[in-house]
Amino acid sequence: MRLLHTSTLEFREFFDHHIPKYAILSHRWTDHEVSFEQFTQYRVQDWGPVYAKIKDCCAFTQARGLQWVWIDTCCIDKRSSAELNEAINSMYRWYSRAKVCWAYLAEISSTLDTLGDEDGGSAIHAEFCASDWFTRGWTLQELLAPDNLEFLDRSWNSLGSKKKLQHSLSQATQIPVRDLFGDIIQQSIAKKMSWLSRRKTTRVEDMAYCMLRLCGVNMPLLYGEGERAFLRLQHEIIKVSDDESIFAWFSRHRDDRWQAGILAVSPKAFAKSGQIEAHLPMKGKRPFSMTNKGLQYHIPRPRKYLDRQPSTGERYSLLLDCGFEIDRWPDSRARASITIDLVYCTRGWERVISDNAKAVPYVEPMIQHKKELWESVIEKGCFFETIYIDAAGSCLGGKRADQWHSIEPFSEDESDDERDKG
């Protein structure tokens, strides 16, 4: 980790347990940021106005009693792809371990010393919530990772701490107050992706890269891969997590398609998933994994459907181990789970778009209160069939959703005796 000394303005590298106490800067990049190469090319006395942010940050940090600071624009040598890769994969940890994080909001020029929640209706409150800082992808982890986060205006006056401004922050980000603190890694994938869905990055790949440690994964950076970066992120998550909320996205983002892959192509697909939590895996359920044939998933089937080739247009409702937060449902025994529809096409199973009067989401979620019934069916010893679901989707055309015939795990005319035997 390369740190900048706040008084000598010289760099020094530290490793692991030898890293001293340091402050870290979170800010909105402009078109005139100073790179590591530029920083080391000129003498301090030759610095122009573009260096003001760095000098002011160092002076402010030194006044607060810290000798070292990390600033992403100048503390990473971006000429080295290896260093950039290491920095991005380490960034969440660096922010979480900082003694303090300064969130510098350059567009706020208030002369107020603090911005309290009691100022919720004031002009400064509105200006604070409208800051570009809350719209950027990278600042999501910079908001969530540090315990000690202090917001500053253009003149480096304190606007308040993360704790003091928690309700304003919740309003600006649409993140519940309780989720601003604590172990972010334990939050559902769908919920974290929903927080990102309202943000943007300059490079499309960074919409995936800024979520690496928030989702508990590492992966190499491949700038130039475009939207594939977000698909690759989901592949990496599936390798280490059984959180099925990763499939609980509903927003339509390709209007000309009736079918899609099981994975979302953009975080925007999770815009309606902010209240989804992961459930413990249902008893008897088998793990899923990504293969070169798509997502391998094991579904319970009655005996009469085993060893039978599905027909084109056959539809299946897949019950996921996730659902809306329990406080939405007064009866905790009726914990609602989400299902998504699959359809069998020439290349295998794909996810489908519901076609009905409410067709606002990408797949209209069907809420079922039958989780206990499903588990009892599995306990009775039903058979499992392995299916493969297309990961990224392909535009196949074909029938609309209301023309497909449905194959449920158990048809209604199947007797209880047959179920017990299955």
Protein backbone atom coordinates (compact mmCIF):
# COMPACT_ATOMS: atom_id res chain seq x y z
CA MET A 1 0.00 0.00 0.00
CA ARG A 2 1.52 3.32 -1.09
CA LEU A 3 0.81 6.16 1.36
CA LEU A 4 1.52 9.89 1.11
CA HIS A 5 3.20 11.66 4.03
CA THR A 6 1.12 14.69 4.98
CA SER A 7 4.03 17.00 5.78
CA THR A 8 6.88 15.92 3.46
CA LEU A 9 4.47 15.02 0.60
CA GLU A 10 6.58 11.96 -0.19
CA PHE A 11 5.37 8.46 -0.97
CA ARG A 12 6.26 5.33 0.95
CA GLU A 13 5.12 1.74 0.50
CA PHE A 14 3.96 -0.41 3.41
CA PHE A 15 3.03 -4.07 3.59
CA ASP A 16 0.53 -5.99 5.71
CA HIS A 17 1.04 -5.53 9.46
CA HIS A 18 3.53 -2.68 9.04
CA ILE A 19 0.93 -0.26 7.66
CA PRO A 20 0.68 2.79 10.00
CA LYS A 21 -2.49 4.63 10.94
CA TYR A 22 -3.74 6.57 7.94
CA ALA A 23 -6.63 8.65 6.64
CA ILE A 24 -8.22 7.92 3.28
CA LEU A 25 -9.94 10.26 0.84
CA SER A 26 -13.24 9.58 -0.91
CA HIS A 27 -14.14 12.09 -3.58
CA ARG A 28 -15.75 12.66 -6.94
CA TRP A 29 -13.15 12.63 -9.70
CA THR A 30 -12.92 15.61 -12.05
CA ASP A 31 -11.24 15.97 -15.44
CA HIS A 32 -8.12 17.43 -13.84
CA GLU A 33 -6.99 14.88 -11.26
CA VAL A 34 -3.27 14.38 -10.57
CA SER A 35 -1.86 10.96 -11.38
CA PHE A 36 1.07 9.25 -9.68
CA GLU A 37 3.22 9.95 -12.74
CA GLN A 38 2.37 13.67 -12.70
CA PHE A 39 2.85 13.88 -8.94
CA THR A 40 6.40 12.51 -9.13
CA GLN A 41 7.31 14.49 -12.25
CA TYR A 42 7.14 18.00 -10.79
CA ARG A 43 8.63 19.63 -7.70
CA VAL A 44 6.23 20.73 -4.96
CA GLN A 45 6.98 24.39 -5.57
CA ASP A 46 5.95 23.99 -9.20
CA TRP A 47 2.52 22.58 -8.42
CA GLY A 48 -0.37 24.35 -10.08
CA PRO A 49 -4.04 24.74 -9.04
CA VAL A 50 -4.91 21.14 -9.96
CA TYR A 51 -2.81 20.00 -6.99
CA ALA A 52 -4.93 21.98 -4.53
CA LYS A 53 -7.10 19.04 -3.50
CA ILE A 54 -4.06 16.93 -2.61
CA LYS A 55 -2.34 19.71 -0.67
CA ASP A 56 -5.52 20.66 1.18
CA CYS A 57 -6.23 17.01 2.05
CA CYS A 58 -2.72 16.58 3.44
CA ALA A 59 -2.97 19.77 5.48
CA PHE A 60 -6.39 18.81 6.84
CA THR A 61 -5.23 15.30 7.72
CA GLN A 62 -2.08 16.59 9.43
CA ALA A 63 -4.17 19.00 11.48
CA ARG A 64 -6.19 16.02 12.68
CA GLY A 65 -3.03 14.34 13.96
CA LEU A 66 -2.35 11.78 11.21
CA GLN A 67 0.90 11.60 9.24
CA TRP A 68 -0.25 9.42 6.36
CA VAL A 69 -3.05 9.61 3.82
CA TRP A 70 -4.17 7.51 0.85
CA ILE A 71 -5.64 9.25 -2.21
CA ASP A 72 -6.71 7.01 -5.09
CA THR A 73 -5.79 9.44 -7.86
CA CYS A 74 -2.10 9.75 -6.99
CA CYS A 75 -1.29 6.76 -4.77
CA ILE A 76 -1.78 4.15 -7.53
CA ASP A 77 0.59 3.93 -10.46
CA LYS A 78 -2.00 3.16 -13.12
CA ARG A 79 0.71 2.52 -15.71
CA SER A 80 1.14 -0.86 -14.00
CA SER A 81 -1.80 -3.17 -14.66
CA ALA A 82 -0.63 -5.45 -11.84
CA GLU A 83 -0.64 -2.57 -9.34
CA LEU A 84 -4.04 -1.35 -10.52
CA ASN A 85 -5.45 -4.87 -10.26
CA GLU A 86 -4.10 -5.27 -6.71
CA ALA A 87 -5.39 -1.86 -5.65
CA ILE A 88 -8.95 -2.43 -6.88
CA ASN A 89 -9.13 -5.86 -5.29
CA SER A 90 -7.78 -4.41 -2.01
CA MET A 91 -9.68 -1.14 -1.96
CA TYR A 92 -12.58 -2.24 0.25
CA ARG A 93 -10.12 -3.49 2.86
CA TRP A 94 -8.11 -0.27 2.69
CA TYR A 95 -11.22 1.84 3.29
CA SER A 96 -12.44 -0.38 6.11
CA ARG A 97 -9.08 -0.27 7.93
CA ALA A 98 -8.51 3.47 7.66
CA LYS A 99 -8.44 5.46 10.88
CA VAL A 100 -10.83 7.90 9.25
CA CYS A 101 -12.29 8.43 5.79
CA TRP A 102 -12.85 11.94 4.47
CA ALA A 103 -15.79 12.17 2.05
CA TYR A 104 -15.04 15.39 0.20
CA LEU A 105 -18.13 16.92 -1.47
CA ALA A 106 -16.66 19.66 -3.67
CA GLU A 107 -19.99 21.01 -4.93
CA ILE A 108 -21.23 21.88 -1.42
CA SER A 109 -20.14 25.34 -0.36
CA SER A 110 -21.98 25.59 2.95
CA THR A 111 -20.32 27.48 5.75
CA LEU A 112 -22.25 25.51 8.36
CA ASP A 113 -20.08 23.56 10.76
CA THR A 114 -22.34 20.55 10.74
CA LEU A 115 -25.33 19.15 8.93
CA GLY A 116 -27.60 17.46 11.44
CA ASP A 117 -30.64 15.31 10.73
CA GLU A 118 -32.72 18.04 12.30
CA ASP A 119 -31.92 20.08 9.17
CA GLY A 120 -33.83 17.59 7.04
CA GLY A 121 -35.95 20.26 5.36
CA SER A 122 -33.20 22.85 4.88
CA ALA A 123 -31.53 23.90 1.65
CA ILE A 124 -28.18 22.46 2.80
CA HIS A 125 -29.86 19.11 3.40
CA ALA A 126 -31.25 19.10 -0.14
CA GLU A 127 -27.86 20.13 -1.51
CA PHE A 128 -26.19 17.34 0.45
CA CYS A 129 -28.58 14.62 -0.79
CA ALA A 130 -28.21 15.84 -4.38
CA SER A 131 -24.42 15.54 -4.36
CA ASP A 132 -22.85 13.64 -7.27
CA TRP A 133 -20.93 11.65 -4.67
CA PHE A 134 -24.08 9.56 -4.11
CA THR A 135 -24.43 8.70 -7.82
CA ARG A 136 -21.03 7.10 -8.44
CA GLY A 137 -20.33 3.38 -8.39
CA TRP A 138 -17.02 3.49 -6.55
CA THR A 139 -18.34 5.61 -3.68
CA LEU A 140 -20.76 2.84 -2.66
CA GLN A 141 -18.00 0.81 -1.00
CA GLU A 142 -16.45 4.04 0.25
CA LEU A 143 -19.72 4.73 2.07
CA LEU A 144 -20.16 1.24 3.48
CA ALA A 145 -16.61 0.08 4.29
CA PRO A 146 -15.29 2.63 6.83
CA ASP A 147 -16.65 2.80 10.37
CA ASN A 148 -15.40 6.36 10.82
CA LEU A 149 -16.60 8.41 7.86
CA GLU A 150 -16.76 12.20 7.97
CA PHE A 151 -18.31 14.39 5.27
CA LEU A 152 -16.62 17.65 4.29
CA ASP A 153 -17.69 20.60 2.16
CA ARG A 154 -15.67 22.43 -0.51
CA SER A 155 -13.75 24.40 2.13
CA TRP A 156 -12.96 21.27 4.18
CA ASN A 157 -15.50 22.14 6.87
CA SER A 158 -17.13 19.17 8.56
CA LEU A 159 -20.75 18.48 7.64
CA GLY A 160 -21.08 15.60 10.08
CA SER A 161 -20.21 11.95 10.56
CA LYS A 162 -21.78 8.90 8.96
CA LYS A 163 -23.47 8.11 12.26
CA LYS A 164 -24.88 11.60 12.72
CA LEU A 165 -26.07 11.86 9.10
CA GLN A 166 -27.45 8.32 8.88
CA HIS A 167 -31.02 9.37 8.03
CA SER A 168 -29.87 11.86 5.40
CA LEU A 169 -27.58 9.20 3.93
CA SER A 170 -30.44 6.72 3.83
CA GLN A 171 -32.58 9.23 1.99
CA ALA A 172 -29.82 10.07 -0.50
CA THR A 173 -28.89 6.44 -1.25
CA GLN A 174 -32.15 4.53 -0.64
CA ILE A 175 -30.16 2.24 1.67
CA PRO A 176 -31.94 1.49 4.97
CA VAL A 177 -30.21 2.95 8.02
CA ARG A 178 -29.65 -0.51 9.52
CA ASP A 179 -27.75 -1.55 6.38
CA LEU A 180 -25.35 1.40 6.51
CA PHE A 181 -23.60 -0.27 9.44
CA GLY A 182 -22.57 -3.79 10.33
CA ASP A 183 -21.33 -6.68 8.20
CA ILE A 184 -22.15 -5.71 4.62
CA ILE A 185 -20.87 -9.05 3.29
CA GLN A 186 -23.82 -10.79 5.00
CA GLN A 187 -26.42 -8.75 3.10
CA SER A 188 -28.10 -10.49 0.17
CA ILE A 189 -26.57 -10.17 -3.28
CA ALA A 190 -29.83 -8.79 -4.69
CA LYS A 191 -29.98 -6.06 -2.06
CA LYS A 192 -26.39 -4.93 -2.67
CA MET A 193 -26.91 -4.94 -6.43
CA SER A 194 -30.02 -2.80 -5.98
CA TRP A 195 -27.92 -0.17 -4.21
CA LEU A 196 -25.57 -0.13 -7.20
CA SER A 197 -28.41 0.02 -9.74
CA ARG A 198 -28.93 3.73 -9.07
CA ARG A 199 -25.27 4.58 -9.66
CA LYS A 200 -22.96 4.87 -12.64
CA THR A 201 -19.29 4.71 -13.55
CA THR A 202 -17.29 6.26 -16.35
CA ARG A 203 -16.22 2.85 -17.66
CA VAL A 204 -18.85 0.15 -17.96
CA GLU A 205 -16.52 -2.52 -16.54
CA ASP A 206 -16.22 -0.59 -13.28
CA MET A 207 -19.88 -1.30 -12.51
CA ALA A 208 -18.65 -4.83 -11.82
CA TYR A 209 -15.20 -4.07 -10.44
CA CYS A 210 -16.49 -1.66 -7.78
CA MET A 211 -18.57 -4.52 -6.28
CA LEU A 212 -15.81 -7.12 -5.92
CA ARG A 213 -15.22 -7.05 -2.17
CA LEU A 214 -18.80 -5.98 -1.38
CA CYS A 215 -19.73 -9.38 -2.82
CA GLY A 216 -16.78 -11.17 -1.19
CA VAL A 217 -14.91 -12.11 -4.36
CA ASN A 218 -11.70 -11.27 -6.22
CA MET A 219 -11.12 -11.40 -9.95
CA PRO A 220 -8.65 -9.97 -12.48
CA LEU A 221 -9.52 -6.77 -14.33
CA LEU A 222 -10.01 -6.90 -18.09
CA TYR A 223 -10.77 -3.41 -19.32
CA GLY A 224 -12.31 -3.67 -22.76
CA GLU A 225 -14.62 -6.58 -21.92
CA GLY A 226 -17.62 -4.27 -21.51
CA GLU A 227 -20.81 -5.78 -20.04
CA ARG A 228 -19.13 -9.19 -19.80
CA ALA A 229 -17.44 -7.88 -16.63
CA PHE A 230 -20.78 -7.95 -14.79
CA LEU A 231 -21.53 -11.47 -16.05
CA ARG A 232 -18.06 -12.56 -14.94
CA LEU A 233 -18.67 -11.03 -11.50
CA GLN A 234 -21.81 -13.12 -11.10
CA HIS A 235 -19.90 -16.25 -12.14
CA GLU A 236 -17.35 -15.54 -9.40
CA ILE A 237 -20.08 -14.98 -6.80
CA ILE A 238 -21.74 -18.30 -7.66
CA LYS A 239 -18.42 -20.09 -7.09
CA VAL A 240 -18.33 -19.05 -3.43
CA SER A 241 -21.94 -18.31 -2.46
CA ASP A 242 -25.24 -20.22 -2.41
CA ASP A 243 -27.25 -16.97 -2.19
CA GLU A 244 -30.02 -17.48 -4.78
CA SER A 245 -31.07 -13.84 -4.61
CA ILE A 246 -28.48 -13.35 -7.37
CA PHE A 247 -31.25 -14.64 -9.67
CA ALA A 248 -33.93 -12.37 -8.15
CA TRP A 249 -33.81 -9.51 -10.64
CA PHE A 250 -36.95 -8.28 -12.33
CA SER A 251 -36.36 -5.13 -14.33
CA ARG A 252 -36.79 -5.31 -18.07
CA HIS A 253 -33.71 -4.01 -19.83
CA ARG A 254 -34.14 -5.56 -23.30
CA ASP A 255 -37.64 -4.78 -24.47
CA ASP A 256 -37.48 -6.84 -27.66
CA ARG A 257 -36.87 -10.16 -25.92
CA TRP A 258 -39.19 -12.71 -24.35
CA GLN A 259 -36.35 -14.91 -23.12
CA ALA A 260 -33.10 -14.21 -21.31
CA GLY A 261 -30.32 -15.90 -19.42
CA ILE A 262 -30.48 -16.65 -15.72
CA LEU A 263 -27.91 -13.90 -15.03
CA ALA A 264 -28.52 -10.17 -15.29
CA VAL A 265 -26.54 -8.20 -17.85
CA SER A 266 -26.55 -5.00 -15.80
CA PRO A 267 -26.97 -3.93 -12.15
CA LYS A 268 -30.01 -1.94 -13.31
CA ALA A 269 -31.89 -5.24 -13.47
CA PHE A 270 -31.83 -5.28 -9.64
CA ALA A 271 -33.51 -1.90 -9.23
CA LYS A 272 -36.63 -3.53 -7.70
CA SER A 273 -34.69 -6.00 -5.51
CA GLY A 274 -33.82 -3.78 -2.56
CA GLN A 275 -36.09 -5.62 -0.10
CA ILE A 276 -35.03 -9.16 -0.99
CA GLU A 277 -33.18 -11.26 1.56
CA ALA A 278 -31.57 -14.65 1.20
CA HIS A 279 -33.16 -17.64 2.93
CA LEU A 280 -31.39 -20.64 4.35
CA PRO A 281 -31.35 -23.40 1.72
CA MET A 282 -34.46 -25.56 1.80
CA LYS A 283 -33.96 -28.91 3.44
CA GLY A 284 -32.78 -31.51 0.94
CA LYS A 285 -32.01 -28.99 -1.80
CA ARG A 286 -28.89 -29.66 -3.84
CA PRO A 287 -26.20 -27.06 -4.65
CA PHE A 288 -26.11 -25.25 -7.97
CA SER A 289 -23.04 -24.37 -10.01
CA MET A 290 -22.03 -22.70 -13.26
CA THR A 291 -20.76 -24.95 -16.05
CA ASN A 292 -19.89 -24.55 -19.73
CA LYS A 293 -23.49 -25.66 -20.46
CA GLY A 294 -24.99 -22.95 -18.26
CA LEU A 295 -26.23 -22.96 -14.67
CA GLN A 296 -26.54 -26.53 -13.40
CA TYR A 297 -29.59 -26.74 -11.16
CA HIS A 298 -31.34 -29.72 -9.57
CA ILE A 299 -35.12 -29.58 -9.56
CA PRO A 300 -37.52 -31.98 -7.79
CA ARG A 301 -39.64 -33.89 -10.29
CA PRO A 302 -42.35 -36.55 -10.03
CA ARG A 303 -41.30 -39.93 -11.33
CA LYS A 304 -43.41 -39.73 -14.49
CA TYR A 305 -41.40 -36.73 -15.73
CA LEU A 306 -37.97 -38.30 -15.25
CA ASP A 307 -35.94 -39.44 -18.26
CA ARG A 308 -38.25 -37.50 -20.55
CA GLN A 309 -36.99 -34.94 -23.03
CA PRO A 310 -38.76 -31.61 -22.39
CA SER A 311 -40.75 -30.25 -25.31
CA THR A 312 -40.12 -26.84 -26.81
CA GLY A 313 -42.21 -24.27 -25.00
CA GLU A 314 -42.46 -26.31 -21.80
CA ARG A 315 -42.49 -24.01 -18.79
CA TYR A 316 -41.25 -24.53 -15.24
CA SER A 317 -41.56 -22.32 -12.14
CA LEU A 318 -38.31 -22.32 -10.19
CA LEU A 319 -38.64 -21.62 -6.47
CA LEU A 320 -35.68 -19.63 -5.14
CA ASP A 321 -34.25 -19.62 -1.63
CA CYS A 322 -34.91 -15.92 -1.19
CA GLY A 323 -37.86 -13.63 -0.63
CA PHE A 324 -39.01 -10.24 0.51
CA GLU A 325 -37.87 -9.17 3.96
CA ILE A 326 -39.81 -10.84 6.74
CA ASP A 327 -41.18 -7.55 8.10
CA ARG A 328 -43.32 -7.36 4.96
CA TRP A 329 -45.19 -10.47 6.14
CA PRO A 330 -46.87 -10.48 9.59
CA ASP A 331 -47.06 -14.29 9.72
CA SER A 332 -43.48 -15.53 10.00
CA ARG A 333 -44.64 -19.09 9.25
CA ALA A 334 -45.73 -17.97 5.79
CA ARG A 335 -42.35 -16.70 4.72
CA ALA A 336 -42.78 -15.73 1.10
CA SER A 337 -40.36 -17.03 -1.49
CA ILE A 338 -39.86 -15.87 -5.05
CA THR A 339 -40.23 -17.96 -8.16
CA ILE A 340 -38.98 -17.25 -11.66
CA ASP A 341 -40.29 -18.83 -14.84
CA LEU A 342 -38.18 -20.95 -17.17
CA VAL A 343 -39.07 -22.11 -20.68
CA TYR A 344 -37.47 -24.91 -22.68
CA CYS A 345 -36.14 -23.76 -26.05
CA THR A 346 -34.04 -25.35 -28.77
CA ARG A 347 -30.83 -24.62 -26.84
CA GLY A 348 -32.18 -25.61 -23.42
CA TRP A 349 -33.83 -23.79 -20.55
CA GLU A 350 -34.05 -20.01 -20.50
CA ARG A 351 -35.62 -17.46 -18.23
CA VAL A 352 -38.84 -15.90 -19.54
CA ILE A 353 -40.65 -12.59 -19.42
CA SER A 354 -44.20 -12.63 -18.10
CA ASP A 355 -46.75 -11.17 -20.49
CA ASN A 356 -49.68 -9.81 -18.54
CA ALA A 357 -51.41 -6.56 -17.70
CA LYS A 358 -48.84 -5.81 -14.96
CA ALA A 359 -45.82 -6.40 -17.19
CA VAL A 360 -43.59 -3.74 -15.66
CA PRO A 361 -40.80 -5.97 -14.26
CA TYR A 362 -38.58 -8.17 -16.37
CA VAL A 363 -40.01 -11.32 -14.82
CA GLU A 364 -43.08 -10.64 -12.71
CA PRO A 365 -42.18 -12.30 -9.38
CA MET A 366 -44.75 -14.83 -8.18
CA ILE A 367 -44.90 -14.84 -4.40
CA GLN A 368 -45.68 -18.23 -2.90
CA HIS A 369 -46.42 -19.22 0.67
CA LYS A 370 -45.64 -22.89 -0.06
CA LYS A 371 -42.08 -23.26 1.12
CA GLU A 372 -43.07 -25.69 3.86
CA LEU A 373 -45.04 -27.77 1.36
CA TRP A 374 -42.09 -27.86 -1.01
CA GLU A 375 -39.79 -29.05 1.76
CA SER A 376 -42.24 -31.77 2.76
CA VAL A 377 -42.33 -32.95 -0.85
CA ILE A 378 -38.53 -33.18 -0.92
CA GLU A 379 -38.52 -35.06 2.40
CA LYS A 380 -40.86 -37.68 0.93
CA GLY A 381 -38.07 -38.75 -1.37
CA CYS A 382 -38.92 -37.24 -4.73
CA PHE A 383 -36.45 -37.54 -7.56
CA PHE A 384 -34.13 -34.76 -8.67
CA GLU A 385 -33.56 -33.89 -12.30
CA THR A 386 -30.49 -31.95 -13.39
CA ILE A 387 -31.22 -29.11 -15.79
CA TYR A 388 -28.98 -26.52 -17.40
CA ILE A 389 -30.18 -22.92 -17.66
CA ASP A 390 -28.62 -20.59 -20.21
CA ALA A 391 -26.41 -18.13 -18.32
CA ALA A 392 -26.33 -15.07 -20.56
CA GLY A 393 -29.38 -15.66 -22.75
CA SER A 394 -29.88 -15.73 -26.49
CA CYS A 395 -32.53 -14.04 -28.59
CA LEU A 396 -34.59 -17.00 -29.79
CA GLY A 397 -37.99 -15.46 -30.41
CA GLY A 398 -40.90 -17.89 -30.20
CA LYS A 399 -44.10 -18.01 -28.24
CA ARG A 400 -45.27 -15.45 -25.76
CA ALA A 401 -45.42 -16.48 -22.13
CA ASP A 402 -49.19 -16.99 -22.13
CA GLN A 403 -48.84 -19.56 -24.95
CA TRP A 404 -46.40 -21.82 -23.14
CA HIS A 405 -47.71 -24.88 -21.32
CA SER A 406 -46.69 -25.24 -17.69
CA ILE A 407 -45.06 -28.26 -16.09
CA GLU A 408 -45.17 -27.96 -12.30
CA PRO A 409 -43.10 -30.06 -9.88
CA PHE A 410 -46.31 -32.03 -9.18
CA SER A 411 -49.47 -31.81 -11.24
CA GLU A 412 -52.73 -31.37 -9.39
CA ASP A 413 -54.17 -34.65 -10.63
CA GLU A 414 -51.30 -36.66 -9.21
CA SER A 415 -52.42 -38.64 -6.18
CA ASP A 416 -50.83 -38.46 -2.74
CA ASP A 417 -49.87 -42.11 -3.10
CA GLU A 418 -47.88 -41.38 -6.23
CA ARG A 419 -46.15 -38.50 -4.48
CA ASP A 420 -45.20 -40.70 -1.57
CA LYS A 421 -43.77 -43.27 -3.98
CA GLY A 422 -41.88 -40.58 -5.99
